[in-house]
Amino acid sequence: MDGMSLLTVTVLAVFVGFEVVSKVSSTLHTPLMSGANAIHGIILVGAIIVAGQAADPGILAVALLAVVLATANLVGGFVVTDRMLHMFRGRQEALGRDGTGRKAVGKGEGQ
């Protein structure tokens, strides 16, 4: 493929990706992020394999950059997923087990 074809495919992929992601509801966002994190883990493994087999210093530099970026993307995805899961936790955890907002007192405590 020539450069113009690659650029066309990239631009179309960006537009299609933006349209698809913008139509996803909030309740589906967290499961989709988890699936994306699994894909990013596979990408990280592939980048490590390429970096391990690189003979040319230029290819090694690009492969190591891919490892760093894939690691940052994977960790960031898990952080975002964790924050989203905290948002969906029930109000019951925030109020406490007795539902009053006070800390539940067990036997022998607070007397």
C-alpha atoms as a PDB file:
ATOM      1  CA  MET A   1       0.000   0.000   0.000  1.00  0.00           C
ATOM      2  CA  ASP A   2       1.196   3.477  -0.740  1.00  0.00           C
ATOM      3  CA  GLY A   3       1.246   6.302   1.815  1.00  0.00           C
ATOM      4  CA  MET A   4      -1.980   7.911   0.646  1.00  0.00           C
ATOM      5  CA  SER A   5      -3.918   4.642   1.048  1.00  0.00           C
ATOM      6  CA  LEU A   6      -2.523   4.155   4.552  1.00  0.00           C
ATOM      7  CA  LEU A   7      -3.443   7.724   5.484  1.00  0.00           C
ATOM      8  CA  THR A   8      -6.970   7.244   4.105  1.00  0.00           C
ATOM      9  CA  VAL A   9      -7.483   4.034   6.081  1.00  0.00           C
ATOM     10  CA  THR A  10      -6.173   5.703   9.262  1.00  0.00           C
ATOM     11  CA  VAL A  11      -8.453   8.743   8.909  1.00  0.00           C
ATOM     12  CA  LEU A  12     -11.486   6.545   8.199  1.00  0.00           C
ATOM     13  CA  ALA A  13     -10.647   4.347  11.203  1.00  0.00           C
ATOM     14  CA  VAL A  14     -10.458   7.422  13.447  1.00  0.00           C
ATOM     15  CA  PHE A  15     -13.863   8.665  12.294  1.00  0.00           C
ATOM     16  CA  VAL A  16     -15.539   5.257  12.576  1.00  0.00           C
ATOM     17  CA  GLY A  17     -13.956   4.657  15.991  1.00  0.00           C
ATOM     18  CA  PHE A  18     -15.110   8.043  17.258  1.00  0.00           C
ATOM     19  CA  GLU A  19     -18.667   7.455  16.064  1.00  0.00           C
ATOM     20  CA  VAL A  20     -18.838   3.968  17.585  1.00  0.00           C
ATOM     21  CA  VAL A  21     -17.385   4.992  20.955  1.00  0.00           C
ATOM     22  CA  SER A  22     -19.530   8.118  21.235  1.00  0.00           C
ATOM     23  CA  LYS A  23     -22.701   6.002  20.878  1.00  0.00           C
ATOM     24  CA  VAL A  24     -21.822   3.713  23.823  1.00  0.00           C
ATOM     25  CA  SER A  25     -23.892   4.301  26.956  1.00  0.00           C
ATOM     26  CA  SER A  26     -22.263   4.816  30.348  1.00  0.00           C
ATOM     27  CA  THR A  27     -23.364   1.432  31.664  1.00  0.00           C
ATOM     28  CA  LEU A  28     -21.572  -0.369  28.855  1.00  0.00           C
ATOM     29  CA  HIS A  29     -18.403   1.708  29.110  1.00  0.00           C
ATOM     30  CA  THR A  30     -16.804  -0.268  31.961  1.00  0.00           C
ATOM     31  CA  PRO A  31     -17.210  -3.749  30.398  1.00  0.00           C
ATOM     32  CA  LEU A  32     -15.884  -2.420  27.099  1.00  0.00           C
ATOM     33  CA  MET A  33     -12.877  -0.902  28.881  1.00  0.00           C
ATOM     34  CA  SER A  34     -12.139  -4.286  30.450  1.00  0.00           C
ATOM     35  CA  GLY A  35     -12.224  -5.903  27.028  1.00  0.00           C
ATOM     36  CA  ALA A  36      -9.975  -3.193  25.634  1.00  0.00           C
ATOM     37  CA  ASN A  37      -7.534  -3.776  28.495  1.00  0.00           C
ATOM     38  CA  ALA A  38      -7.292  -7.439  27.506  1.00  0.00           C
ATOM     39  CA  ILE A  39      -6.484  -6.408  23.936  1.00  0.00           C
ATOM     40  CA  HIS A  40      -3.864  -3.945  25.183  1.00  0.00           C
ATOM     41  CA  GLY A  41      -2.273  -6.759  27.185  1.00  0.00           C
ATOM     42  CA  ILE A  42      -1.924  -8.779  23.982  1.00  0.00           C
ATOM     43  CA  ILE A  43      -0.406  -5.752  22.239  1.00  0.00           C
ATOM     44  CA  LEU A  44       2.108  -5.405  25.085  1.00  0.00           C
ATOM     45  CA  VAL A  45       3.120  -9.057  24.760  1.00  0.00           C
ATOM     46  CA  GLY A  46       3.582  -8.587  20.999  1.00  0.00           C
ATOM     47  CA  ALA A  47       5.716  -5.476  21.538  1.00  0.00           C
ATOM     48  CA  ILE A  48       7.896  -7.361  24.026  1.00  0.00           C
ATOM     49  CA  ILE A  49       8.349 -10.226  21.545  1.00  0.00           C
ATOM     50  CA  VAL A  50       9.320  -7.811  18.751  1.00  0.00           C
ATOM     51  CA  ALA A  51      11.736  -5.986  21.064  1.00  0.00           C
ATOM     52  CA  GLY A  52      13.321  -9.292  22.090  1.00  0.00           C
ATOM     53  CA  GLN A  53      13.935 -10.346  18.480  1.00  0.00           C
ATOM     54  CA  ALA A  54      15.040  -6.978  17.079  1.00  0.00           C
ATOM     55  CA  ALA A  55      18.489  -7.000  15.509  1.00  0.00           C
ATOM     56  CA  ASP A  56      18.508  -3.497  14.032  1.00  0.00           C
ATOM     57  CA  PRO A  57      18.943  -0.653  16.573  1.00  0.00           C
ATOM     58  CA  GLY A  58      16.203   1.400  14.878  1.00  0.00           C
ATOM     59  CA  ILE A  59      13.697  -1.415  15.156  1.00  0.00           C
ATOM     60  CA  LEU A  60      14.751  -1.996  18.760  1.00  0.00           C
ATOM     61  CA  ALA A  61      14.183   1.678  19.611  1.00  0.00           C
ATOM     62  CA  VAL A  62      10.703   1.666  18.049  1.00  0.00           C
ATOM     63  CA  ALA A  63       9.873  -1.653  19.742  1.00  0.00           C
ATOM     64  CA  LEU A  64      10.963  -0.345  23.147  1.00  0.00           C
ATOM     65  CA  LEU A  65       8.883   2.785  22.596  1.00  0.00           C
ATOM     66  CA  ALA A  66       5.941   0.501  21.759  1.00  0.00           C
ATOM     67  CA  VAL A  67       6.514  -1.414  25.008  1.00  0.00           C
ATOM     68  CA  VAL A  68       6.529   1.813  27.042  1.00  0.00           C
ATOM     69  CA  LEU A  69       3.416   3.196  25.351  1.00  0.00           C
ATOM     70  CA  ALA A  70       1.535  -0.105  25.574  1.00  0.00           C
ATOM     71  CA  THR A  71       2.400  -0.367  29.274  1.00  0.00           C
ATOM     72  CA  ALA A  72       1.168   3.165  29.938  1.00  0.00           C
ATOM     73  CA  ASN A  73      -2.019   2.468  27.991  1.00  0.00           C
ATOM     74  CA  LEU A  74      -2.650  -0.801  29.836  1.00  0.00           C
ATOM     75  CA  VAL A  75      -2.075   0.680  33.298  1.00  0.00           C
ATOM     76  CA  GLY A  76      -4.137   3.762  32.463  1.00  0.00           C
ATOM     77  CA  GLY A  77      -6.979   1.582  31.247  1.00  0.00           C
ATOM     78  CA  PHE A  78      -7.047  -0.372  34.483  1.00  0.00           C
ATOM     79  CA  VAL A  79      -6.987   2.851  36.524  1.00  0.00           C
ATOM     80  CA  VAL A  80      -9.924   4.267  34.552  1.00  0.00           C
ATOM     81  CA  THR A  81     -11.842   0.991  34.857  1.00  0.00           C
ATOM     82  CA  ASP A  82     -11.261   0.935  38.610  1.00  0.00           C
ATOM     83  CA  ARG A  83     -12.518   4.510  38.955  1.00  0.00           C
ATOM     84  CA  MET A  84     -15.602   3.697  36.885  1.00  0.00           C
ATOM     85  CA  LEU A  85     -16.360   0.667  39.054  1.00  0.00           C
ATOM     86  CA  HIS A  86     -16.133   2.853  42.167  1.00  0.00           C
ATOM     87  CA  MET A  87     -18.707   5.180  40.602  1.00  0.00           C
ATOM     88  CA  PHE A  88     -21.142   2.301  40.084  1.00  0.00           C
ATOM     89  CA  ARG A  89     -20.890   0.973  43.623  1.00  0.00           C
ATOM     90  CA  GLY A  90     -24.129   1.118  45.492  1.00  0.00           C
ATOM     91  CA  ARG A  91     -25.101   3.860  47.873  1.00  0.00           C
ATOM     92  CA  GLN A  92     -25.321   1.242  50.605  1.00  0.00           C
ATOM     93  CA  GLU A  93     -21.510   1.036  50.867  1.00  0.00           C
ATOM     94  CA  ALA A  94     -21.241   4.810  51.156  1.00  0.00           C
ATOM     95  CA  LEU A  95     -23.840   4.982  53.941  1.00  0.00           C
ATOM     96  CA  GLY A  96     -22.625   1.999  55.924  1.00  0.00           C
ATOM     97  CA  ARG A  97     -24.275  -1.329  56.571  1.00  0.00           C
ATOM     98  CA  ASP A  98     -27.101   0.054  58.709  1.00  0.00           C
ATOM     99  CA  GLY A  99     -28.065   2.635  56.063  1.00  0.00           C
ATOM    100  CA  THR A 100     -27.849   5.657  58.384  1.00  0.00           C
ATOM    101  CA  GLY A 101     -24.411   6.973  57.532  1.00  0.00           C
ATOM    102  CA  ARG A 102     -23.107   6.070  60.998  1.00  0.00           C
ATOM    103  CA  LYS A 103     -20.503   3.418  61.510  1.00  0.00           C
ATOM    104  CA  ALA A 104     -22.149   0.174  62.528  1.00  0.00           C
ATOM    105  CA  VAL A 105     -21.281  -0.666  66.149  1.00  0.00           C
ATOM    106  CA  GLY A 106     -20.605  -4.275  67.018  1.00  0.00           C
ATOM    107  CA  LYS A 107     -21.012  -5.998  70.341  1.00  0.00           C
ATOM    108  CA  GLY A 108     -18.863  -4.494  73.054  1.00  0.00           C
ATOM    109  CA  GLU A 109     -17.871  -1.470  70.948  1.00  0.00           C
ATOM    110  CA  GLY A 110     -18.886   2.082  71.733  1.00  0.00           C
ATOM    111  CA  GLN A 111     -20.453   1.310  75.107  1.00  0.00           C
END
